[in-house]
Protein backbone atom coordinates (compact mmCIF):
# COMPACT_ATOMS: atom_id res chain seq x y z
CA MET A 1 -76.61 -27.51 23.94
CA LYS A 2 -73.12 -28.79 23.13
CA ASN A 3 -73.48 -31.74 25.54
CA VAL A 4 -77.07 -32.83 24.73
CA TRP A 5 -77.87 -35.73 22.39
CA HIS A 6 -81.54 -35.49 21.33
CA PRO A 7 -83.67 -38.57 20.52
CA PHE A 8 -85.01 -39.48 17.06
CA THR A 9 -82.90 -36.71 15.49
CA ILE A 10 -80.96 -36.75 12.22
CA ILE A 11 -78.15 -34.73 13.74
CA LYS A 12 -76.57 -33.21 10.62
CA ASP A 13 -79.85 -31.96 9.14
CA ALA A 14 -81.76 -31.09 12.29
CA PRO A 15 -82.78 -27.47 12.91
CA GLU A 16 -81.90 -25.86 16.21
CA PRO A 17 -84.27 -27.27 18.84
CA LEU A 18 -86.80 -24.86 20.29
CA LYS A 19 -85.97 -23.97 23.86
CA VAL A 20 -88.94 -24.10 26.22
CA LYS A 21 -89.01 -21.77 29.20
CA SER A 22 -92.19 -22.98 30.89
CA GLY A 23 -95.49 -24.78 30.45
CA LYS A 24 -98.90 -24.04 31.89
CA GLY A 25 -102.14 -25.79 31.03
CA ALA A 26 -102.33 -26.45 27.29
CA TYR A 27 -99.56 -23.94 26.46
CA LEU A 28 -95.78 -23.93 26.28
CA THR A 29 -93.82 -20.68 26.50
CA LEU A 30 -90.67 -20.60 24.39
CA GLU A 31 -87.49 -18.80 25.41
CA ASP A 32 -88.21 -16.03 22.89
CA GLY A 33 -91.57 -15.36 24.58
CA ARG A 34 -93.86 -17.03 22.06
CA GLU A 35 -96.72 -19.16 23.35
CA VAL A 36 -97.43 -22.46 21.61
CA LEU A 37 -100.60 -24.50 22.07
CA ASP A 38 -99.58 -28.09 22.74
CA CYS A 39 -101.87 -30.09 20.44
CA ILE A 40 -100.20 -33.46 21.14
CA SER A 41 -99.75 -33.43 24.94
CA SER A 42 -95.99 -33.23 24.46
CA TRP A 43 -95.03 -36.87 23.80
CA TRP A 44 -98.63 -37.97 24.44
CA VAL A 45 -98.11 -37.79 28.21
CA ASN A 46 -99.49 -34.46 29.53
CA MET A 47 -103.13 -35.46 29.80
CA HIS A 48 -104.01 -32.65 32.21
CA GLY A 49 -101.78 -30.03 30.62
CA HIS A 50 -98.44 -28.77 31.85
CA SER A 51 -97.48 -28.00 35.46
CA HIS A 52 -100.81 -29.01 36.98
CA PRO A 53 -100.68 -27.80 40.61
CA ASP A 54 -102.40 -30.89 42.06
CA ILE A 55 -99.76 -33.26 40.71
CA ALA A 56 -96.91 -30.90 41.59
CA LYS A 57 -98.21 -30.68 45.15
CA ALA A 58 -98.56 -34.45 45.45
CA ILE A 59 -94.93 -34.94 44.42
CA TYR A 60 -93.76 -32.22 46.83
CA GLU A 61 -95.67 -33.70 49.77
CA GLN A 62 -94.42 -37.21 49.02
CA ALA A 63 -90.82 -35.98 48.67
CA LYS A 64 -90.96 -34.69 52.25
CA THR A 65 -91.90 -38.17 53.52
CA LEU A 66 -90.29 -40.84 51.30
CA GLU A 67 -88.60 -40.15 47.99
CA HIS A 68 -87.25 -43.63 47.24
CA VAL A 69 -86.86 -47.11 48.66
CA ILE A 70 -85.68 -50.40 47.23
CA PHE A 71 -88.81 -52.23 46.04
CA ALA A 72 -87.46 -55.75 46.52
CA GLY A 73 -88.52 -56.81 49.99
CA PHE A 74 -90.10 -53.42 50.77
CA THR A 75 -93.33 -51.70 49.82
CA HIS A 76 -95.10 -48.39 50.47
CA ASP A 77 -98.56 -46.83 50.43
CA PRO A 78 -98.30 -44.90 47.12
CA ALA A 79 -97.50 -48.07 45.14
CA GLU A 80 -100.28 -50.01 46.83
CA GLN A 81 -102.82 -47.22 46.37
CA LEU A 82 -101.99 -46.61 42.72
CA SER A 83 -102.17 -50.34 41.96
CA GLU A 84 -105.63 -50.52 43.52
CA LEU A 85 -106.89 -47.46 41.64
CA ILE A 86 -105.74 -48.72 38.25
CA THR A 87 -107.03 -52.26 38.65
CA GLN A 88 -110.47 -50.97 39.65
CA GLU A 89 -111.01 -49.81 36.06
CA LEU A 90 -109.32 -52.74 34.32
CA PRO A 91 -111.05 -55.99 33.36
CA LYS A 92 -111.69 -58.10 36.46
CA ASN A 93 -109.01 -60.69 35.58
CA LEU A 94 -106.16 -58.12 35.69
CA ASN A 95 -105.02 -57.71 39.28
CA LYS A 96 -101.25 -58.08 39.56
CA VAL A 97 -99.22 -54.90 38.93
CA PHE A 98 -95.51 -54.90 38.11
CA PHE A 99 -93.85 -51.46 38.16
CA SER A 100 -91.19 -50.13 35.81
CA ASP A 101 -90.34 -46.72 34.36
CA ASN A 102 -91.22 -46.36 30.65
CA GLY A 103 -93.38 -47.79 27.91
CA SER A 104 -90.70 -49.84 26.18
CA THR A 105 -89.84 -51.54 29.45
CA ALA A 106 -93.51 -52.14 30.26
CA VAL A 107 -93.83 -54.07 26.98
CA GLU A 108 -90.51 -55.84 27.52
CA VAL A 109 -91.73 -56.96 30.94
CA GLY A 110 -95.04 -58.12 29.47
CA MET A 111 -93.32 -60.24 26.83
CA LYS A 112 -90.93 -61.74 29.38
CA ILE A 113 -93.81 -62.59 31.73
CA ALA A 114 -95.76 -64.23 28.89
CA TYR A 115 -92.72 -66.20 27.71
CA GLN A 116 -91.87 -67.39 31.20
CA TYR A 117 -95.48 -68.23 32.03
CA TRP A 118 -95.47 -71.03 29.49
CA LYS A 119 -92.16 -72.35 30.81
CA ASN A 120 -93.50 -72.25 34.35
CA ILE A 121 -96.45 -74.46 33.41
CA GLY A 122 -94.27 -76.86 31.45
CA GLN A 123 -94.77 -75.70 27.87
CA GLU A 124 -92.34 -74.31 25.31
CA ARG A 125 -94.01 -71.44 23.48
CA LYS A 126 -91.49 -68.97 22.16
CA THR A 127 -93.04 -66.99 19.28
CA PHE A 128 -95.25 -63.92 19.45
CA ILE A 129 -97.84 -62.95 16.86
CA CYS A 130 -97.59 -59.22 16.14
CA PHE A 131 -99.11 -56.78 13.68
CA GLU A 132 -97.73 -55.06 10.61
CA GLY A 133 -97.08 -51.37 11.34
CA ALA A 134 -96.72 -51.85 15.09
CA TYR A 135 -94.41 -49.89 17.37
CA HIS A 136 -93.84 -51.19 20.90
CA GLY A 137 -90.69 -49.32 21.95
CA ASP A 138 -86.93 -49.26 21.56
CA THR A 139 -85.60 -51.98 23.84
CA LEU A 140 -84.59 -55.13 21.99
CA GLY A 141 -87.67 -57.22 22.75
CA ALA A 142 -90.03 -54.33 22.02
CA MET A 143 -88.20 -53.60 18.76
CA SER A 144 -88.43 -57.25 17.75
CA ALA A 145 -92.20 -57.11 18.18
CA GLY A 146 -92.54 -53.95 16.10
CA GLU A 147 -92.47 -53.09 12.42
CA ARG A 148 -89.05 -53.47 10.83
CA SER A 149 -88.20 -49.88 9.90
CA ILE A 150 -85.62 -47.12 10.08
CA PHE A 151 -85.92 -47.44 13.88
CA THR A 152 -84.77 -51.07 13.89
CA ASP A 153 -82.68 -51.65 10.75
CA VAL A 154 -79.28 -51.14 12.41
CA PHE A 155 -80.10 -53.72 15.09
CA LYS A 156 -81.77 -56.40 12.97
CA ASP A 157 -79.03 -58.97 13.66
CA TRP A 158 -79.73 -58.69 17.39
CA MET A 159 -83.48 -59.03 17.16
CA PHE A 160 -85.57 -62.21 17.37
CA ASP A 161 -88.25 -63.23 14.88
CA VAL A 162 -91.98 -62.82 15.43
CA GLU A 163 -94.95 -63.84 13.31
CA VAL A 164 -96.30 -60.73 11.59
CA ILE A 165 -99.89 -60.52 10.35
CA PRO A 166 -101.64 -57.63 8.54
CA TYR A 167 -103.34 -54.82 10.42
CA PRO A 168 -106.88 -53.95 9.24
CA GLU A 169 -106.41 -50.19 9.26
CA THR A 170 -109.69 -48.35 8.88
CA TRP A 171 -111.03 -44.79 8.70
CA ILE A 172 -114.29 -42.87 8.45
CA GLY A 173 -116.25 -44.06 5.42
CA ASP A 174 -114.11 -47.16 4.85
CA GLU A 175 -116.46 -49.55 3.03
CA ASN A 176 -114.00 -52.45 3.06
CA ARG A 177 -113.47 -52.68 6.82
CA ALA A 178 -115.30 -55.96 7.41
CA ASN A 179 -113.52 -57.74 4.55
CA LYS A 180 -110.11 -56.62 5.81
CA GLU A 181 -110.89 -57.74 9.33
CA ASP A 182 -112.20 -61.12 8.22
CA ALA A 183 -109.05 -61.74 6.15
CA VAL A 184 -106.80 -60.98 9.13
CA ILE A 185 -108.80 -63.19 11.49
CA GLU A 186 -108.68 -66.01 8.94
CA GLU A 187 -104.88 -65.69 8.77
CA LEU A 188 -104.59 -65.50 12.56
CA GLU A 189 -106.72 -68.57 13.14
CA GLY A 190 -104.87 -70.42 10.40
CA LEU A 191 -101.59 -69.93 12.27
CA LEU A 192 -103.12 -70.92 15.61
CA THR A 193 -104.68 -74.01 14.07
CA LYS A 194 -101.51 -75.13 12.28
CA TYR A 195 -99.17 -74.48 15.22
CA PRO A 196 -101.31 -74.74 18.38
CA GLU A 197 -98.33 -74.98 20.77
CA LYS A 198 -95.96 -72.52 19.11
CA TYR A 199 -97.25 -69.09 20.10
CA ALA A 200 -96.61 -67.47 23.48
CA GLY A 201 -99.07 -64.69 22.78
CA ILE A 202 -100.68 -62.13 20.51
CA LEU A 203 -99.30 -58.63 21.10
CA MET A 204 -101.04 -55.55 19.78
CA GLU A 205 -101.79 -51.87 20.32
CA PRO A 206 -105.57 -51.94 20.80
CA LEU A 207 -107.69 -49.61 18.63
CA VAL A 208 -104.82 -47.26 17.68
CA GLN A 209 -101.29 -47.93 16.46
CA GLY A 210 -99.43 -44.87 17.76
CA ALA A 211 -95.98 -44.20 16.29
CA GLY A 212 -96.86 -46.35 13.29
CA GLY A 213 -99.10 -43.55 12.03
CA MET A 214 -102.18 -43.36 14.30
CA ARG A 215 -103.66 -46.27 12.36
CA MET A 216 -106.98 -47.36 13.82
CA CYS A 217 -109.02 -50.53 13.92
CA SER A 218 -112.53 -51.26 15.14
CA GLU A 219 -113.77 -52.52 18.49
CA GLU A 220 -115.33 -55.46 16.65
CA PHE A 221 -111.92 -56.50 15.35
CA LEU A 222 -110.50 -56.57 18.88
CA GLN A 223 -113.41 -58.73 19.96
CA LYS A 224 -112.68 -61.16 17.13
CA VAL A 225 -108.99 -61.31 18.09
CA HIS A 226 -110.00 -61.93 21.69
CA TRP A 227 -112.37 -64.73 20.65
CA SER A 228 -109.60 -66.38 18.60
CA ASN A 229 -107.19 -65.99 21.50
CA ARG A 230 -109.59 -67.81 23.83
CA GLN A 231 -110.51 -70.51 21.32
CA PHE A 232 -106.88 -71.46 20.75
CA ASP A 233 -105.63 -71.00 24.33
CA THR A 234 -102.85 -68.48 23.89
CA LEU A 235 -102.20 -65.19 25.70
CA LEU A 236 -103.41 -61.75 24.61
CA LEU A 237 -101.13 -58.81 25.42
CA PHE A 238 -102.33 -55.24 24.99
CA ASP A 239 -99.79 -52.44 24.65
CA GLU A 240 -101.84 -49.56 26.05
CA VAL A 241 -98.81 -47.38 26.71
CA MET A 242 -100.39 -44.67 24.56
CA THR A 243 -104.08 -45.62 24.52
CA GLY A 244 -104.49 -45.90 28.29
CA PHE A 245 -105.93 -43.35 30.71
CA GLY A 246 -108.79 -41.99 28.64
CA ARG A 247 -107.14 -41.56 25.28
CA THR A 248 -109.65 -43.66 23.32
CA GLY A 249 -112.70 -42.21 25.06
CA ASP A 250 -112.80 -44.70 27.94
CA TYR A 251 -110.33 -45.32 30.72
CA PHE A 252 -108.65 -48.03 28.67
CA ALA A 253 -109.08 -49.24 25.08
CA CYS A 254 -109.79 -52.76 26.32
CA LYS A 255 -112.69 -51.36 28.33
CA ARG A 256 -114.10 -49.49 25.35
CA ALA A 257 -113.91 -52.67 23.27
CA GLN A 258 -115.15 -54.88 26.14
CA VAL A 259 -112.19 -57.22 25.79
CA GLN A 260 -110.16 -58.94 28.55
CA PRO A 261 -106.46 -59.24 27.71
CA ASP A 262 -104.18 -61.42 29.84
CA ILE A 263 -101.51 -58.73 30.15
CA ILE A 264 -101.74 -54.96 29.72
CA CYS A 265 -98.85 -52.49 29.49
CA LEU A 266 -99.39 -48.89 30.63
CA SER A 267 -97.24 -45.75 30.78
CA LYS A 268 -97.19 -42.25 29.17
CA GLY A 269 -100.22 -40.59 30.80
CA ILE A 270 -99.95 -42.54 34.05
CA THR A 271 -98.37 -39.60 35.95
CA GLY A 272 -99.80 -36.82 33.79
CA GLY A 273 -96.37 -36.18 32.28
CA PHE A 274 -94.57 -35.44 35.55
CA MET A 275 -92.56 -38.57 36.34
CA PRO A 276 -91.24 -41.58 34.40
CA LEU A 277 -93.40 -44.55 35.43
CA SER A 278 -95.06 -47.57 33.87
CA VAL A 279 -96.86 -50.71 34.92
CA THR A 280 -97.43 -54.13 33.44
CA VAL A 281 -100.61 -55.73 34.79
CA SER A 282 -101.18 -59.46 34.48
CA SER A 283 -103.97 -61.87 35.26
CA ASP A 284 -104.16 -63.82 38.50
CA GLU A 285 -103.68 -67.04 36.54
CA ILE A 286 -100.37 -65.86 35.10
CA TYR A 287 -99.21 -64.55 38.48
CA GLU A 288 -99.94 -67.90 40.13
CA SER A 289 -97.55 -69.67 37.75
CA PHE A 290 -94.75 -67.64 39.38
CA ASN A 291 -96.03 -68.28 42.91
CA SER A 292 -93.51 -71.00 43.75
CA SER A 293 -90.53 -71.75 45.97
CA ASP A 294 -88.64 -72.89 42.90
CA PRO A 295 -86.13 -70.14 42.00
CA ILE A 296 -86.40 -71.03 38.31
CA LYS A 297 -90.05 -69.93 38.38
CA THR A 298 -89.22 -66.52 39.89
CA PHE A 299 -89.52 -63.43 37.71
CA TRP A 300 -85.96 -62.14 37.96
CA HIS A 301 -86.57 -58.62 36.71
CA GLY A 302 -86.46 -55.16 38.25
CA HIS A 303 -84.61 -51.86 38.20
CA SER A 304 -83.44 -49.19 40.61
CA TYR A 305 -86.57 -47.05 40.36
CA THR A 306 -89.18 -49.81 40.41
CA GLY A 307 -92.29 -48.49 42.19
CA ASN A 308 -90.72 -45.11 42.91
CA PRO A 309 -92.84 -43.31 45.56
CA LEU A 310 -92.69 -39.94 43.80
CA GLY A 311 -93.88 -41.43 40.55
CA CYS A 312 -96.65 -43.33 42.33
CA ALA A 313 -97.77 -40.18 44.17
CA ALA A 314 -97.94 -38.37 40.84
CA GLY A 315 -99.91 -41.29 39.41
CA ILE A 316 -102.47 -41.13 42.24
CA ALA A 317 -102.97 -37.39 41.75
CA SER A 318 -103.25 -37.83 37.99
CA TRP A 319 -105.82 -40.59 38.44
CA LYS A 320 -107.97 -38.36 40.63
CA LEU A 321 -107.90 -35.67 37.93
CA LEU A 322 -108.77 -38.29 35.32
CA ARG A 323 -111.84 -39.23 37.32
CA GLU A 324 -112.87 -35.59 37.67
CA ASN A 325 -112.47 -34.97 33.92
CA ALA A 326 -114.01 -38.19 32.59
CA SER A 327 -116.71 -36.23 30.76
CA VAL A 328 -114.00 -34.38 28.81
CA PHE A 329 -112.18 -37.39 27.41
CA LYS A 330 -115.47 -39.21 26.84
CA GLY A 331 -116.91 -36.25 24.93
CA MET A 332 -113.96 -35.15 22.80
CA GLU A 333 -114.58 -37.66 20.00
CA ALA A 334 -117.78 -35.85 19.00
CA ILE A 335 -115.89 -32.54 18.75
CA HIS A 336 -113.12 -34.10 16.65
CA THR A 337 -115.68 -35.74 14.38
CA LYS A 338 -117.46 -32.44 13.74
CA HIS A 339 -114.21 -30.83 12.60
CA LEU A 340 -113.07 -33.80 10.53
CA GLU A 341 -116.37 -33.64 8.64
CA LYS A 342 -115.62 -30.01 7.76
CA LEU A 343 -112.22 -31.02 6.40
CA ALA A 344 -113.59 -33.96 4.40
CA ASP A 345 -113.40 -32.12 1.04
CA HIS A 346 -109.89 -30.74 1.60
CA PRO A 347 -107.89 -31.58 -1.54
CA ARG A 348 -104.75 -32.53 0.38
CA LEU A 349 -106.22 -34.60 3.20
CA GLU A 350 -107.64 -38.14 3.32
CA LYS A 351 -108.30 -41.13 5.58
CA PHE A 352 -109.86 -39.17 8.43
CA ARG A 353 -110.10 -41.19 11.64
CA VAL A 354 -110.90 -40.67 15.30
CA LYS A 355 -110.94 -42.62 18.56
CA GLY A 356 -111.77 -40.69 21.70
CA THR A 357 -109.30 -37.83 22.13
CA ILE A 358 -107.16 -38.91 19.14
CA ALA A 359 -107.84 -37.62 15.63
CA ALA A 360 -105.70 -38.22 12.56
CA MET A 361 -105.58 -37.75 8.81
CA ASP A 362 -103.12 -38.39 5.98
CA ILE A 363 -101.56 -35.54 4.03
CA ILE A 364 -101.51 -36.28 0.32
CA ASN A 365 -98.18 -35.54 -1.37
CA GLU A 366 -95.92 -37.01 -4.02
CA GLU A 367 -93.66 -38.89 -1.63
CA GLU A 368 -94.21 -42.35 -0.26
CA GLY A 369 -95.97 -42.32 3.09
CA GLY A 370 -93.98 -43.07 6.21
CA TYR A 371 -91.98 -41.52 9.02
CA LEU A 372 -89.36 -39.92 6.75
CA ASN A 373 -91.84 -38.11 4.50
CA SER A 374 -90.50 -34.55 4.25
CA VAL A 375 -93.90 -32.90 4.67
CA ALA A 376 -93.55 -33.48 8.43
CA SER A 377 -90.76 -30.97 8.98
CA ARG A 378 -92.49 -28.28 6.91
CA ILE A 379 -95.82 -28.66 8.69
CA LYS A 380 -94.17 -28.76 12.11
CA LYS A 381 -92.29 -25.49 11.47
CA GLU A 382 -95.26 -23.66 9.98
CA CYS A 383 -97.49 -24.76 12.83
CA VAL A 384 -95.05 -23.49 15.47
CA ASP A 385 -94.85 -20.19 13.56
CA HIS A 386 -98.65 -20.01 13.96
CA GLY A 387 -98.60 -20.91 17.65
CA LEU A 388 -99.32 -24.66 17.46
CA LEU A 389 -97.25 -27.67 18.49
CA LEU A 390 -98.08 -30.37 15.95
CA ARG A 391 -95.54 -33.07 15.13
CA PRO A 392 -96.68 -35.13 12.13
CA LEU A 393 -95.60 -38.75 11.83
CA GLY A 394 -94.34 -38.46 8.29
CA ASN A 395 -97.40 -37.57 6.24
CA VAL A 396 -99.80 -38.35 9.11
CA LEU A 397 -101.14 -35.29 10.88
CA TYR A 398 -102.73 -36.01 14.24
CA LEU A 399 -104.13 -34.33 17.32
CA MET A 400 -103.92 -35.71 20.85
CA PRO A 401 -104.56 -32.63 23.01
CA PRO A 402 -104.54 -32.43 26.80
CA TYR A 403 -107.92 -32.75 28.45
CA CYS A 404 -107.80 -29.13 29.56
CA VAL A 405 -108.03 -27.88 25.95
CA THR A 406 -111.16 -25.82 25.27
CA GLU A 407 -113.61 -26.20 22.42
CA ASP A 408 -112.64 -22.74 21.18
CA GLU A 409 -109.00 -23.82 21.09
CA LEU A 410 -109.92 -26.93 19.11
CA ASP A 411 -111.86 -24.72 16.67
CA MET A 412 -108.73 -22.63 16.22
CA ILE A 413 -106.46 -25.67 15.78
CA TYR A 414 -108.61 -27.19 13.04
CA GLY A 415 -108.95 -23.83 11.33
CA LYS A 416 -105.17 -23.49 11.18
CA ILE A 417 -104.80 -27.06 9.87
CA GLY A 418 -107.13 -26.30 6.99
CA GLU A 419 -105.07 -23.24 6.09
CA LEU A 420 -101.54 -24.59 6.56
CA VAL A 421 -101.85 -27.98 4.86
């Protein structure tokens, strides 16, 4: 422990981290022998549970053949196969896959591609339109596109400006949804009308803002954003790092909403939690703007583990499992909804919301809402003591279980939530 620096940790005040011995299916086994039901798929990545034998075997078999190769000037079957599998379920305009290794980088790549696209076709469009409450990662570009917060304050002098518009957060029973959405669209179209050649793109987390508090919007709102994007000829970038691979009840949030972005960023569940991998997928039109002999139009980006064969093999195995379990992620929303209805009269819970496999609610307490709300640490500890891994985002309690969770286990989780909150 003396040499480890943990992420997102207030070092002086942090309790001793829980040491995990093993993971199997939906459960983690701690060093002291306790079993904990993983209600959030670790960091939203273990879609099929922990240590799934099919993915482990795929990595092992690939490691015996090719573990790594430089991806500039070389290629390999796992990268080509995974690219084909993913694009089969994406909107038909998204066909060009750029590999990297984490969600922040996937977004960074997407923003760089969008920015350079306009330069490549002879236009200067430098500013992105982003949403209040967004979180896109912790590299400088991704931070610049996200909500200014405790995560970014130290680095504000390094970051570039973006245009921030409100986010029409909604929940079950929200009677003001349409008015909120219309106000945001009016503001968006006002900017695009006033400055038609200023904006490189609109960047958003479709349907669910993750680290910003599992804030949700409607499919209709995405369709309105998409319509505005097309009317005013800018680019639409979807950060589906968290929402991809079944999380919102369809393979991708853009598919559920029937919207075609120009660029989509994917990571987290792509390998089922086994290997660091991400992809940024762009339209053929964008790709063709880079298809030139002119070095200045080349996308000069990459890293040592771009298109790593082990990660791609894990991604292929995970995709096959996703296909086999489509009925699970497509049916989980109904189960969540049933339990949220039972909690509707709880005196300390409000703003119940659900999209696919993701359910969330706000805990009512005296403090201001947000990531640093102290209720998070209390709930997290009490839940572990009762055999559950739940990690509230401040006063936001959410579930994002692996697809192997059973209905009985979900019954138990919701029962414990009602008691512990």
